Amino acid sequence: MIVTTTLQAHESHTTAQLSHDISPLSLRSAFGQFPSGVAALAASTEQGYAGMAASSFTVGVSLDPPLVSVAIQNHSETWPALRDADSIGISILGQGQGSIARQLAAKGIDRFEGLDLETHDASIFINHAALWLDTTVYAEYPAGDHIMVLLQVNNLADFTNIHEPLVFHKSQFRNLEIN
């Protein structure tokens, strides 16, 4: 299929062709064009602290009940521990916290070593984040090679007046620029 568009501001014509290449590599590249926030999910579990980073996090799924969502890979070794926690803390990471996201995504290390943390019951939060959400698992749904998890928000703390959120775009951490 060929799509022709006209860009009014530049008075130029662009011809684009839809590609049948929907390989994981092509999809990852295409999906990376959409900027997202970076969420740290963390809880104190029977096995100790468990946590992960996720850029597939969505706010505002529902206001009544208050729900957010996250897509988690089926083969995640961390999700089974988090799923069973009494509550899960979600920290929307702030500017300059890209290294924390990488640390929480790493395997074979103490993901919490050196991190500045706060706890509330089982929920663990990252200090200097833009937003904290105290959540519980509401529902899970199979979604291909992922699980879609709906989390109910029970409490929140909004720090966006102090900390701008970290943005993940084109496989890089970026900061918002306010004009």
C-alpha atoms as a PDB file:
ATOM      1  CA  MET A   1       0.000   0.000   0.000  1.00  0.00           C
ATOM      2  CA  ILE A   2       1.338   3.448  -0.868  1.00  0.00           C
ATOM      3  CA  VAL A   3       0.321   6.444   1.190  1.00  0.00           C
ATOM      4  CA  THR A   4       0.760   9.976  -0.158  1.00  0.00           C
ATOM      5  CA  THR A   5       0.618  12.906   2.225  1.00  0.00           C
ATOM      6  CA  THR A   6       0.990  16.629   1.728  1.00  0.00           C
ATOM      7  CA  LEU A   7       2.811  18.670   4.326  1.00  0.00           C
ATOM      8  CA  GLN A   8       1.132  22.089   4.169  1.00  0.00           C
ATOM      9  CA  ALA A   9       3.862  24.051   5.969  1.00  0.00           C
ATOM     10  CA  HIS A  10       6.592  22.925   3.596  1.00  0.00           C
ATOM     11  CA  GLU A  11       4.469  22.423   0.481  1.00  0.00           C
ATOM     12  CA  SER A  12       6.171  19.154  -0.272  1.00  0.00           C
ATOM     13  CA  HIS A  13       4.822  15.756  -1.159  1.00  0.00           C
ATOM     14  CA  THR A  14       5.988  12.641   0.645  1.00  0.00           C
ATOM     15  CA  THR A  15       5.362   9.132  -0.539  1.00  0.00           C
ATOM     16  CA  ALA A  16       5.554   6.440   2.111  1.00  0.00           C
ATOM     17  CA  GLN A  17       5.078   2.743   1.711  1.00  0.00           C
ATOM     18  CA  LEU A  18       3.774   0.529   4.477  1.00  0.00           C
ATOM     19  CA  SER A  19       6.178  -2.295   5.183  1.00  0.00           C
ATOM     20  CA  HIS A  20       5.302  -5.925   5.702  1.00  0.00           C
ATOM     21  CA  ASP A  21       8.403  -6.218   7.922  1.00  0.00           C
ATOM     22  CA  ILE A  22       6.924  -6.549  11.387  1.00  0.00           C
ATOM     23  CA  SER A  23       9.874  -8.470  12.795  1.00  0.00           C
ATOM     24  CA  PRO A  24      10.711  -7.918  16.470  1.00  0.00           C
ATOM     25  CA  LEU A  25      13.648  -5.681  15.472  1.00  0.00           C
ATOM     26  CA  SER A  26      11.479  -3.519  13.179  1.00  0.00           C
ATOM     27  CA  LEU A  27       8.693  -3.323  15.739  1.00  0.00           C
ATOM     28  CA  ARG A  28      11.104  -2.366  18.545  1.00  0.00           C
ATOM     29  CA  SER A  29      12.474   0.420  16.337  1.00  0.00           C
ATOM     30  CA  ALA A  30       8.998   1.632  15.370  1.00  0.00           C
ATOM     31  CA  PHE A  31       7.642   1.486  18.925  1.00  0.00           C
ATOM     32  CA  GLY A  32      10.745   3.360  20.111  1.00  0.00           C
ATOM     33  CA  GLN A  33       9.517   6.408  18.160  1.00  0.00           C
ATOM     34  CA  PHE A  34       6.825   6.879  20.814  1.00  0.00           C
ATOM     35  CA  PRO A  35       8.217   8.626  23.921  1.00  0.00           C
ATOM     36  CA  SER A  36       7.227   7.145  27.259  1.00  0.00           C
ATOM     37  CA  GLY A  37       7.908   7.657  30.916  1.00  0.00           C
ATOM     38  CA  VAL A  38       9.971   5.151  32.857  1.00  0.00           C
ATOM     39  CA  ALA A  39       8.367   3.336  35.779  1.00  0.00           C
ATOM     40  CA  ALA A  40      10.152   1.481  38.548  1.00  0.00           C
ATOM     41  CA  LEU A  41       8.005  -1.229  40.117  1.00  0.00           C
ATOM     42  CA  ALA A  42       9.258  -2.424  43.519  1.00  0.00           C
ATOM     43  CA  ALA A  43       8.063  -4.265  46.595  1.00  0.00           C
ATOM     44  CA  SER A  44       9.255  -6.067  49.664  1.00  0.00           C
ATOM     45  CA  THR A  45       8.444  -9.758  49.172  1.00  0.00           C
ATOM     46  CA  GLU A  46       8.966 -12.998  51.078  1.00  0.00           C
ATOM     47  CA  GLN A  47      12.218 -13.429  49.106  1.00  0.00           C
ATOM     48  CA  GLY A  48      13.400  -9.854  49.856  1.00  0.00           C
ATOM     49  CA  TYR A  49      13.224  -6.727  47.710  1.00  0.00           C
ATOM     50  CA  ALA A  50      12.046  -7.249  44.124  1.00  0.00           C
ATOM     51  CA  GLY A  51      11.973  -4.625  41.418  1.00  0.00           C
ATOM     52  CA  MET A  52      12.029  -3.898  37.710  1.00  0.00           C
ATOM     53  CA  ALA A  53      11.982  -1.004  35.273  1.00  0.00           C
ATOM     54  CA  ALA A  54       9.266  -0.663  32.648  1.00  0.00           C
ATOM     55  CA  SER A  55       8.752   1.772  29.779  1.00  0.00           C
ATOM     56  CA  SER A  56       5.514   0.010  28.800  1.00  0.00           C
ATOM     57  CA  PHE A  57       3.625   1.730  31.615  1.00  0.00           C
ATOM     58  CA  THR A  58       0.314   3.544  31.036  1.00  0.00           C
ATOM     59  CA  VAL A  59      -1.512   5.897  33.378  1.00  0.00           C
ATOM     60  CA  GLY A  60      -5.188   6.757  33.246  1.00  0.00           C
ATOM     61  CA  VAL A  61      -6.518   3.359  32.187  1.00  0.00           C
ATOM     62  CA  SER A  62      -9.504   4.030  34.450  1.00  0.00           C
ATOM     63  CA  LEU A  63     -10.455   6.692  36.986  1.00  0.00           C
ATOM     64  CA  ASP A  64     -13.137   4.613  38.720  1.00  0.00           C
ATOM     65  CA  PRO A  65     -11.593   2.394  39.923  1.00  0.00           C
ATOM     66  CA  PRO A  66      -8.229   4.150  39.536  1.00  0.00           C
ATOM     67  CA  LEU A  67      -6.186   1.840  37.294  1.00  0.00           C
ATOM     68  CA  VAL A  68      -2.812   1.952  35.545  1.00  0.00           C
ATOM     69  CA  SER A  69      -1.265  -0.762  33.379  1.00  0.00           C
ATOM     70  CA  VAL A  70       2.086  -2.265  32.551  1.00  0.00           C
ATOM     71  CA  ALA A  71       3.134  -4.915  30.021  1.00  0.00           C
ATOM     72  CA  ILE A  72       5.518  -7.512  31.454  1.00  0.00           C
ATOM     73  CA  GLN A  73       7.391 -10.153  29.470  1.00  0.00           C
ATOM     74  CA  ASN A  74       6.096 -13.688  29.995  1.00  0.00           C
ATOM     75  CA  HIS A  75       9.563 -14.927  30.935  1.00  0.00           C
ATOM     76  CA  SER A  76      10.150 -12.254  33.612  1.00  0.00           C
ATOM     77  CA  GLU A  77      11.741 -13.783  36.693  1.00  0.00           C
ATOM     78  CA  THR A  78      10.839 -10.730  38.801  1.00  0.00           C
ATOM     79  CA  TRP A  79       7.105 -10.485  38.120  1.00  0.00           C
ATOM     80  CA  PRO A  80       6.099 -13.667  40.023  1.00  0.00           C
ATOM     81  CA  ALA A  81       7.620 -12.220  43.226  1.00  0.00           C
ATOM     82  CA  LEU A  82       6.053  -8.784  42.676  1.00  0.00           C
ATOM     83  CA  ARG A  83       2.670 -10.294  41.815  1.00  0.00           C
ATOM     84  CA  ASP A  84       2.481 -11.946  45.234  1.00  0.00           C
ATOM     85  CA  ALA A  85       3.447  -8.814  47.206  1.00  0.00           C
ATOM     86  CA  ASP A  86       0.770  -7.159  49.342  1.00  0.00           C
ATOM     87  CA  SER A  87       1.355  -3.931  47.420  1.00  0.00           C
ATOM     88  CA  ILE A  88       3.676  -2.630  44.696  1.00  0.00           C
ATOM     89  CA  GLY A  89       5.286   0.786  44.672  1.00  0.00           C
ATOM     90  CA  ILE A  90       5.539   2.483  41.306  1.00  0.00           C
ATOM     91  CA  SER A  91       7.993   5.343  40.953  1.00  0.00           C
ATOM     92  CA  ILE A  92       7.802   7.348  37.745  1.00  0.00           C
ATOM     93  CA  LEU A  93      11.487   8.149  37.468  1.00  0.00           C
ATOM     94  CA  GLY A  94      12.671  11.734  37.258  1.00  0.00           C
ATOM     95  CA  GLN A  95      15.354  13.586  35.322  1.00  0.00           C
ATOM     96  CA  GLY A  96      18.795  12.161  35.879  1.00  0.00           C
ATOM     97  CA  GLN A  97      17.518   8.752  37.020  1.00  0.00           C
ATOM     98  CA  GLY A  98      18.350   6.836  33.839  1.00  0.00           C
ATOM     99  CA  SER A  99      21.084   4.931  35.672  1.00  0.00           C
ATOM    100  CA  ILE A 100      18.479   3.764  38.198  1.00  0.00           C
ATOM    101  CA  ALA A 101      16.310   2.437  35.362  1.00  0.00           C
ATOM    102  CA  ARG A 102      19.295   0.537  33.952  1.00  0.00           C
ATOM    103  CA  GLN A 103      20.166  -0.830  37.400  1.00  0.00           C
ATOM    104  CA  LEU A 104      16.593  -2.051  37.965  1.00  0.00           C
ATOM    105  CA  ALA A 105      16.574  -3.680  34.515  1.00  0.00           C
ATOM    106  CA  ALA A 106      19.917  -5.475  35.014  1.00  0.00           C
ATOM    107  CA  LYS A 107      20.195  -9.174  35.787  1.00  0.00           C
ATOM    108  CA  GLY A 108      22.468 -10.877  38.274  1.00  0.00           C
ATOM    109  CA  ILE A 109      23.072  -7.856  40.511  1.00  0.00           C
ATOM    110  CA  ASP A 110      21.562  -6.354  43.659  1.00  0.00           C
ATOM    111  CA  ARG A 111      19.130  -4.036  41.889  1.00  0.00           C
ATOM    112  CA  PHE A 112      18.676  -1.907  45.024  1.00  0.00           C
ATOM    113  CA  GLU A 113      22.325  -1.395  46.010  1.00  0.00           C
ATOM    114  CA  GLY A 114      23.016   2.268  46.670  1.00  0.00           C
ATOM    115  CA  LEU A 115      19.495   3.455  45.839  1.00  0.00           C
ATOM    116  CA  ASP A 116      17.755   6.095  47.962  1.00  0.00           C
ATOM    117  CA  LEU A 117      14.497   4.339  48.900  1.00  0.00           C
ATOM    118  CA  GLU A 118      11.314   4.932  50.884  1.00  0.00           C
ATOM    119  CA  THR A 119       8.948   2.173  51.969  1.00  0.00           C
ATOM    120  CA  HIS A 120       5.252   2.153  52.746  1.00  0.00           C
ATOM    121  CA  ASP A 121       4.047  -1.260  53.899  1.00  0.00           C
ATOM    122  CA  ALA A 122       5.298  -3.617  51.146  1.00  0.00           C
ATOM    123  CA  SER A 123       5.631  -0.848  48.530  1.00  0.00           C
ATOM    124  CA  ILE A 124       9.109   0.474  47.786  1.00  0.00           C
ATOM    125  CA  PHE A 125       9.606   3.902  46.208  1.00  0.00           C
ATOM    126  CA  ILE A 126      12.613   5.611  44.619  1.00  0.00           C
ATOM    127  CA  ASN A 127      13.363   9.033  46.129  1.00  0.00           C
ATOM    128  CA  HIS A 128      13.589  12.011  43.746  1.00  0.00           C
ATOM    129  CA  ALA A 129      11.109  10.369  41.352  1.00  0.00           C
ATOM    130  CA  ALA A 130       8.448  12.510  39.677  1.00  0.00           C
ATOM    131  CA  LEU A 131       5.492  10.474  40.967  1.00  0.00           C
ATOM    132  CA  TRP A 132       4.799   7.629  43.403  1.00  0.00           C
ATOM    133  CA  LEU A 133       1.822   5.303  43.064  1.00  0.00           C
ATOM    134  CA  ASP A 134       1.004   2.746  45.768  1.00  0.00           C
ATOM    135  CA  THR A 135      -0.772  -0.084  43.940  1.00  0.00           C
ATOM    136  CA  THR A 136      -2.208  -3.586  44.184  1.00  0.00           C
ATOM    137  CA  VAL A 137      -2.735  -6.103  41.394  1.00  0.00           C
ATOM    138  CA  TYR A 138      -6.242  -5.729  39.956  1.00  0.00           C
ATOM    139  CA  ALA A 139      -6.112  -8.162  36.990  1.00  0.00           C
ATOM    140  CA  GLU A 140      -3.774  -9.846  34.508  1.00  0.00           C
ATOM    141  CA  TYR A 141      -4.429 -10.704  30.872  1.00  0.00           C
ATOM    142  CA  PRO A 142      -2.333 -12.725  28.423  1.00  0.00           C
ATOM    143  CA  ALA A 143      -1.052 -10.574  25.558  1.00  0.00           C
ATOM    144  CA  GLY A 144       1.209 -12.521  23.207  1.00  0.00           C
ATOM    145  CA  ASP A 145       4.719 -12.665  24.633  1.00  0.00           C
ATOM    146  CA  HIS A 146       3.676 -10.332  27.482  1.00  0.00           C
ATOM    147  CA  ILE A 147       1.171 -10.155  30.311  1.00  0.00           C
ATOM    148  CA  MET A 148      -0.957  -7.012  30.577  1.00  0.00           C
ATOM    149  CA  VAL A 149      -1.220  -6.163  34.252  1.00  0.00           C
ATOM    150  CA  LEU A 150      -3.799  -3.755  35.607  1.00  0.00           C
ATOM    151  CA  LEU A 151      -2.834  -2.203  38.934  1.00  0.00           C
ATOM    152  CA  GLN A 152      -5.233  -0.348  41.212  1.00  0.00           C
ATOM    153  CA  VAL A 153      -3.882   2.913  42.642  1.00  0.00           C
ATOM    154  CA  ASN A 154      -4.501   3.146  46.385  1.00  0.00           C
ATOM    155  CA  ASN A 155      -2.333   6.170  47.279  1.00  0.00           C
ATOM    156  CA  LEU A 156      -0.131   8.639  45.412  1.00  0.00           C
ATOM    157  CA  ALA A 157       2.455  11.361  45.895  1.00  0.00           C
ATOM    158  CA  ASP A 158       3.051  13.865  43.085  1.00  0.00           C
ATOM    159  CA  PHE A 159       6.515  15.483  42.973  1.00  0.00           C
ATOM    160  CA  THR A 160       6.305  16.894  39.438  1.00  0.00           C
ATOM    161  CA  ASN A 161       6.523  20.436  40.831  1.00  0.00           C
ATOM    162  CA  ILE A 162      10.099  19.518  41.920  1.00  0.00           C
ATOM    163  CA  HIS A 163      11.193  16.680  39.591  1.00  0.00           C
ATOM    164  CA  GLU A 164      10.464  16.535  35.860  1.00  0.00           C
ATOM    165  CA  PRO A 165       9.828  12.978  34.616  1.00  0.00           C
ATOM    166  CA  LEU A 166      12.462  11.006  32.760  1.00  0.00           C
ATOM    167  CA  VAL A 167      11.500  10.162  29.156  1.00  0.00           C
ATOM    168  CA  PHE A 168      12.521   7.074  27.173  1.00  0.00           C
ATOM    169  CA  HIS A 169      12.628   7.731  23.418  1.00  0.00           C
ATOM    170  CA  LYS A 170      14.529   5.978  20.603  1.00  0.00           C
ATOM    171  CA  SER A 171      16.249   3.693  23.143  1.00  0.00           C
ATOM    172  CA  GLN A 172      17.674   6.656  25.061  1.00  0.00           C
ATOM    173  CA  PHE A 173      16.784   8.434  28.281  1.00  0.00           C
ATOM    174  CA  ARG A 174      15.877  12.052  27.661  1.00  0.00           C
ATOM    175  CA  ASN A 175      14.715  15.015  29.694  1.00  0.00           C
ATOM    176  CA  LEU A 176      11.711  17.195  28.979  1.00  0.00           C
ATOM    177  CA  GLU A 177      12.497  20.640  27.641  1.00  0.00           C
ATOM    178  CA  ILE A 178      10.071  23.276  28.789  1.00  0.00           C
ATOM    179  CA  ASN A 179       9.676  26.213  26.371  1.00  0.00           C
END
